[in-house]
Amino acid sequence: MKEGIHPEYREVVFHDLITGSKIITRSTLNSRETIELDGKTYPLFKCDVTSESHPFYTGAQTRIVETGRVEKFRARFARTAGTKKAAAQG
C-alpha cells in the first residue's frame, strides 16, 4: 500500500441518541467531538438511529404493518360479503 493516501483507521464511539447506548468500533470517520470512556479519549459520532432503536430491528414495525394488513383485509371482506348476500337473496 502507498504511504500517506489512506485515511486514519482508529477506534470511534458511535452514540445512539434515542437509546443512549455507546458502541466502540473502528472507523475512518472524522469528528470534531470527542468523548472519554474508560480513561481513553475517542472521536464521537452521534447517530439518530441504530439497530438498537430502529423499528425494523426491534420488531415494532412488523406489528404495525400486520395490524394494517388485517384491517384492510377485514374492510375488503366486509364489502364483498354484503354484496354476495344481497345477490343470493334477490
N, C-alpha and C. Protein backbone atom coordinates (compact mmCIF):
# COMPACT_ATOMS: atom_id res chain seq x y z
N MET A 1 0.84 -1.18 0.00
CA MET A 1 0.00 0.00 0.00
C MET A 1 0.88 1.25 0.00
N LYS A 2 0.40 2.26 -0.67
CA LYS A 2 1.13 3.52 -0.70
C LYS A 2 0.98 4.25 0.62
N GLU A 3 2.02 4.88 1.05
CA GLU A 3 2.00 5.65 2.29
C GLU A 3 1.35 7.00 2.07
N GLY A 4 0.57 7.48 3.07
CA GLY A 4 0.03 8.81 3.07
C GLY A 4 -1.24 9.05 2.26
N ILE A 5 -1.80 8.02 1.62
CA ILE A 5 -3.03 8.24 0.83
C ILE A 5 -4.27 7.65 1.50
N HIS A 6 -4.10 6.84 2.52
CA HIS A 6 -5.22 6.19 3.17
C HIS A 6 -5.65 6.98 4.42
N PRO A 7 -6.98 7.02 4.70
CA PRO A 7 -7.44 7.72 5.91
C PRO A 7 -7.03 6.95 7.16
N GLU A 8 -6.99 7.66 8.27
CA GLU A 8 -6.61 7.04 9.54
C GLU A 8 -7.73 6.11 10.02
N TYR A 9 -7.40 4.88 10.29
CA TYR A 9 -8.34 3.86 10.78
C TYR A 9 -8.14 3.71 12.27
N ARG A 10 -9.13 4.10 13.07
CA ARG A 10 -8.97 4.15 14.52
C ARG A 10 -10.28 3.82 15.22
N GLU A 11 -10.21 3.70 16.54
CA GLU A 11 -11.41 3.42 17.32
C GLU A 11 -12.25 4.70 17.44
N VAL A 12 -13.57 4.55 17.25
CA VAL A 12 -14.52 5.66 17.30
C VAL A 12 -15.72 5.21 18.12
N VAL A 13 -16.33 6.14 18.85
CA VAL A 13 -17.54 5.85 19.63
C VAL A 13 -18.75 6.34 18.84
N PHE A 14 -19.70 5.44 18.61
CA PHE A 14 -20.98 5.78 18.00
C PHE A 14 -22.01 5.83 19.12
N HIS A 15 -22.67 6.97 19.29
CA HIS A 15 -23.63 7.18 20.38
C HIS A 15 -25.04 7.23 19.80
N ASP A 16 -25.89 6.29 20.18
CA ASP A 16 -27.29 6.26 19.76
C ASP A 16 -28.05 7.26 20.62
N LEU A 17 -28.57 8.31 20.01
CA LEU A 17 -29.24 9.38 20.76
C LEU A 17 -30.59 8.94 21.33
N ILE A 18 -31.24 7.95 20.74
CA ILE A 18 -32.55 7.50 21.22
C ILE A 18 -32.41 6.60 22.44
N THR A 19 -31.54 5.60 22.37
CA THR A 19 -31.40 4.66 23.48
C THR A 19 -30.31 5.06 24.46
N GLY A 20 -29.39 5.90 24.03
CA GLY A 20 -28.29 6.32 24.90
C GLY A 20 -27.12 5.35 24.92
N SER A 21 -27.18 4.28 24.13
CA SER A 21 -26.09 3.31 24.12
C SER A 21 -24.90 3.85 23.34
N LYS A 22 -23.72 3.38 23.73
CA LYS A 22 -22.49 3.78 23.07
C LYS A 22 -21.77 2.54 22.57
N ILE A 23 -21.30 2.58 21.32
CA ILE A 23 -20.63 1.45 20.71
C ILE A 23 -19.24 1.90 20.29
N ILE A 24 -18.22 1.19 20.73
CA ILE A 24 -16.86 1.48 20.31
C ILE A 24 -16.51 0.52 19.17
N THR A 25 -16.14 1.07 18.05
CA THR A 25 -15.75 0.27 16.90
C THR A 25 -14.66 1.02 16.14
N ARG A 26 -14.11 0.40 15.13
CA ARG A 26 -13.07 1.03 14.34
C ARG A 26 -13.67 1.64 13.09
N SER A 27 -13.18 2.84 12.73
CA SER A 27 -13.73 3.56 11.59
C SER A 27 -12.71 4.59 11.10
N THR A 28 -12.94 5.10 9.89
CA THR A 28 -12.13 6.18 9.34
C THR A 28 -12.82 7.52 9.51
N LEU A 29 -13.91 7.54 10.26
CA LEU A 29 -14.72 8.73 10.46
C LEU A 29 -13.93 9.86 11.10
N ASN A 30 -14.10 11.07 10.58
CA ASN A 30 -13.51 12.26 11.17
C ASN A 30 -14.60 12.99 11.95
N SER A 31 -14.29 13.39 13.18
CA SER A 31 -15.27 14.07 14.02
C SER A 31 -14.58 15.15 14.83
N ARG A 32 -15.29 16.26 15.04
CA ARG A 32 -14.76 17.34 15.88
C ARG A 32 -15.00 17.05 17.35
N GLU A 33 -16.04 16.27 17.65
CA GLU A 33 -16.39 15.97 19.03
C GLU A 33 -15.61 14.76 19.53
N THR A 34 -15.31 14.77 20.82
CA THR A 34 -14.64 13.64 21.44
C THR A 34 -15.37 13.26 22.72
N ILE A 35 -15.11 12.06 23.20
CA ILE A 35 -15.70 11.57 24.44
C ILE A 35 -14.64 10.75 25.16
N GLU A 36 -14.69 10.79 26.48
CA GLU A 36 -13.74 10.00 27.26
C GLU A 36 -14.48 8.83 27.89
N LEU A 37 -14.02 7.62 27.56
CA LEU A 37 -14.57 6.39 28.13
C LEU A 37 -13.42 5.54 28.65
N ASP A 38 -13.56 5.04 29.84
CA ASP A 38 -12.55 4.18 30.46
C ASP A 38 -11.16 4.82 30.45
N GLY A 39 -11.10 6.14 30.64
CA GLY A 39 -9.82 6.84 30.70
C GLY A 39 -9.15 7.08 29.37
N LYS A 40 -9.84 6.80 28.27
CA LYS A 40 -9.27 6.99 26.94
C LYS A 40 -10.19 7.93 26.15
N THR A 41 -9.63 8.81 25.33
CA THR A 41 -10.40 9.76 24.54
C THR A 41 -10.61 9.20 23.14
N TYR A 42 -11.87 9.21 22.70
CA TYR A 42 -12.25 8.70 21.38
C TYR A 42 -12.97 9.80 20.60
N PRO A 43 -12.90 9.76 19.26
CA PRO A 43 -13.77 10.63 18.46
C PRO A 43 -15.22 10.16 18.66
N LEU A 44 -16.19 11.08 18.64
CA LEU A 44 -17.59 10.76 18.90
C LEU A 44 -18.44 11.05 17.67
N PHE A 45 -19.29 10.09 17.30
CA PHE A 45 -20.26 10.28 16.23
C PHE A 45 -21.63 10.01 16.80
N LYS A 46 -22.54 10.99 16.72
CA LYS A 46 -23.89 10.85 17.26
C LYS A 46 -24.81 10.34 16.16
N CYS A 47 -25.47 9.20 16.43
CA CYS A 47 -26.37 8.56 15.47
C CYS A 47 -27.82 8.80 15.89
N ASP A 48 -28.67 9.13 14.93
CA ASP A 48 -30.10 9.26 15.23
C ASP A 48 -30.75 7.89 15.37
N VAL A 49 -30.33 6.93 14.55
CA VAL A 49 -30.93 5.60 14.56
C VAL A 49 -29.83 4.56 14.42
N THR A 50 -29.91 3.52 15.23
CA THR A 50 -29.03 2.35 15.10
C THR A 50 -29.89 1.09 15.13
N SER A 51 -29.25 -0.06 15.09
CA SER A 51 -30.01 -1.30 15.13
C SER A 51 -30.72 -1.50 16.47
N GLU A 52 -30.29 -0.82 17.52
CA GLU A 52 -30.96 -0.93 18.82
C GLU A 52 -32.23 -0.10 18.91
N SER A 53 -32.37 0.91 18.04
CA SER A 53 -33.52 1.80 18.15
C SER A 53 -34.40 1.81 16.90
N HIS A 54 -33.96 1.22 15.80
CA HIS A 54 -34.76 1.24 14.57
C HIS A 54 -35.90 0.23 14.67
N PRO A 55 -37.13 0.61 14.30
CA PRO A 55 -38.28 -0.28 14.43
C PRO A 55 -38.13 -1.60 13.67
N PHE A 56 -37.41 -1.62 12.56
CA PHE A 56 -37.24 -2.85 11.81
C PHE A 56 -36.48 -3.89 12.64
N TYR A 57 -35.44 -3.46 13.34
CA TYR A 57 -34.63 -4.38 14.14
C TYR A 57 -35.25 -4.70 15.48
N THR A 58 -36.04 -3.79 16.04
CA THR A 58 -36.65 -4.04 17.35
C THR A 58 -37.93 -4.85 17.24
N GLY A 59 -38.51 -4.97 16.04
CA GLY A 59 -39.73 -5.74 15.85
C GLY A 59 -40.99 -4.92 15.94
N ALA A 60 -40.90 -3.65 16.27
CA ALA A 60 -42.09 -2.80 16.40
C ALA A 60 -42.75 -2.55 15.06
N GLN A 61 -41.97 -2.49 14.00
CA GLN A 61 -42.51 -2.19 12.68
C GLN A 61 -43.40 -3.33 12.17
N THR A 62 -43.02 -4.58 12.40
CA THR A 62 -43.80 -5.69 11.88
C THR A 62 -45.19 -5.74 12.50
N ARG A 63 -45.31 -5.39 13.76
CA ARG A 63 -46.63 -5.39 14.40
C ARG A 63 -47.54 -4.33 13.79
N ILE A 64 -47.01 -3.17 13.50
CA ILE A 64 -47.79 -2.10 12.89
C ILE A 64 -48.25 -2.50 11.50
N VAL A 65 -47.35 -3.08 10.72
CA VAL A 65 -47.67 -3.48 9.35
C VAL A 65 -48.72 -4.58 9.36
N GLU A 66 -48.58 -5.58 10.24
CA GLU A 66 -49.53 -6.68 10.30
C GLU A 66 -50.92 -6.17 10.69
N THR A 67 -50.99 -5.25 11.63
CA THR A 67 -52.27 -4.70 12.05
C THR A 67 -52.94 -4.00 10.89
N GLY A 68 -52.20 -3.23 10.14
CA GLY A 68 -52.76 -2.54 8.98
C GLY A 68 -53.26 -3.52 7.94
N ARG A 69 -52.56 -4.59 7.73
CA ARG A 69 -52.96 -5.60 6.74
C ARG A 69 -54.26 -6.29 7.16
N VAL A 70 -54.37 -6.61 8.43
CA VAL A 70 -55.59 -7.27 8.93
C VAL A 70 -56.80 -6.35 8.76
N GLU A 71 -56.63 -5.08 9.10
CA GLU A 71 -57.74 -4.13 8.97
C GLU A 71 -58.15 -3.97 7.50
N LYS A 72 -57.19 -3.89 6.61
CA LYS A 72 -57.50 -3.78 5.18
C LYS A 72 -58.25 -5.02 4.69
N PHE A 73 -57.81 -6.21 5.14
CA PHE A 73 -58.49 -7.43 4.73
C PHE A 73 -59.92 -7.46 5.25
N ARG A 74 -60.11 -7.11 6.49
CA ARG A 74 -61.48 -7.12 7.05
C ARG A 74 -62.38 -6.13 6.34
N ALA A 75 -61.86 -4.95 6.01
CA ALA A 75 -62.67 -3.95 5.30
C ALA A 75 -63.03 -4.45 3.91
N ARG A 76 -62.08 -5.05 3.22
CA ARG A 76 -62.34 -5.57 1.87
C ARG A 76 -63.32 -6.74 1.93
N PHE A 77 -63.17 -7.64 2.90
CA PHE A 77 -64.03 -8.79 3.03
C PHE A 77 -65.45 -8.37 3.41
N ALA A 78 -65.60 -7.37 4.25
CA ALA A 78 -66.92 -6.90 4.67
C ALA A 78 -67.69 -6.35 3.48
N ARG A 79 -67.02 -5.64 2.59
CA ARG A 79 -67.70 -5.09 1.40
C ARG A 79 -68.17 -6.20 0.47
N THR A 80 -67.33 -7.20 0.22
CA THR A 80 -67.71 -8.25 -0.72
C THR A 80 -68.73 -9.22 -0.12
N ALA A 81 -68.70 -9.44 1.17
CA ALA A 81 -69.65 -10.34 1.83
C ALA A 81 -71.05 -9.76 1.76
N GLY A 82 -71.20 -8.47 1.90
CA GLY A 82 -72.52 -7.84 1.83
C GLY A 82 -73.13 -7.91 0.44
N THR A 83 -72.33 -7.80 -0.61
CA THR A 83 -72.86 -7.86 -1.97
C THR A 83 -73.23 -9.29 -2.34
N LYS A 84 -72.50 -10.29 -1.86
CA LYS A 84 -72.83 -11.67 -2.17
C LYS A 84 -74.14 -12.09 -1.50
N LYS A 85 -74.38 -11.63 -0.26
CA LYS A 85 -75.62 -11.96 0.44
C LYS A 85 -76.82 -11.34 -0.29
N ALA A 86 -76.68 -10.11 -0.76
CA ALA A 86 -77.78 -9.44 -1.45
C ALA A 86 -78.08 -10.12 -2.78
N ALA A 87 -77.06 -10.57 -3.49
CA ALA A 87 -77.25 -11.25 -4.76
C ALA A 87 -77.90 -12.63 -4.55
N ALA A 88 -77.55 -13.32 -3.48
CA ALA A 88 -78.11 -14.63 -3.21
C ALA A 88 -79.58 -14.54 -2.82
N GLN A 89 -79.99 -13.46 -2.11
CA GLN A 89 -81.36 -13.31 -1.69
C GLN A 89 -82.25 -12.83 -2.83
N GLY A 90 -81.70 -12.06 -3.79
CA GLY A 90 -82.51 -11.45 -4.85
C GLY A 90 -82.75 -12.35 -5.97
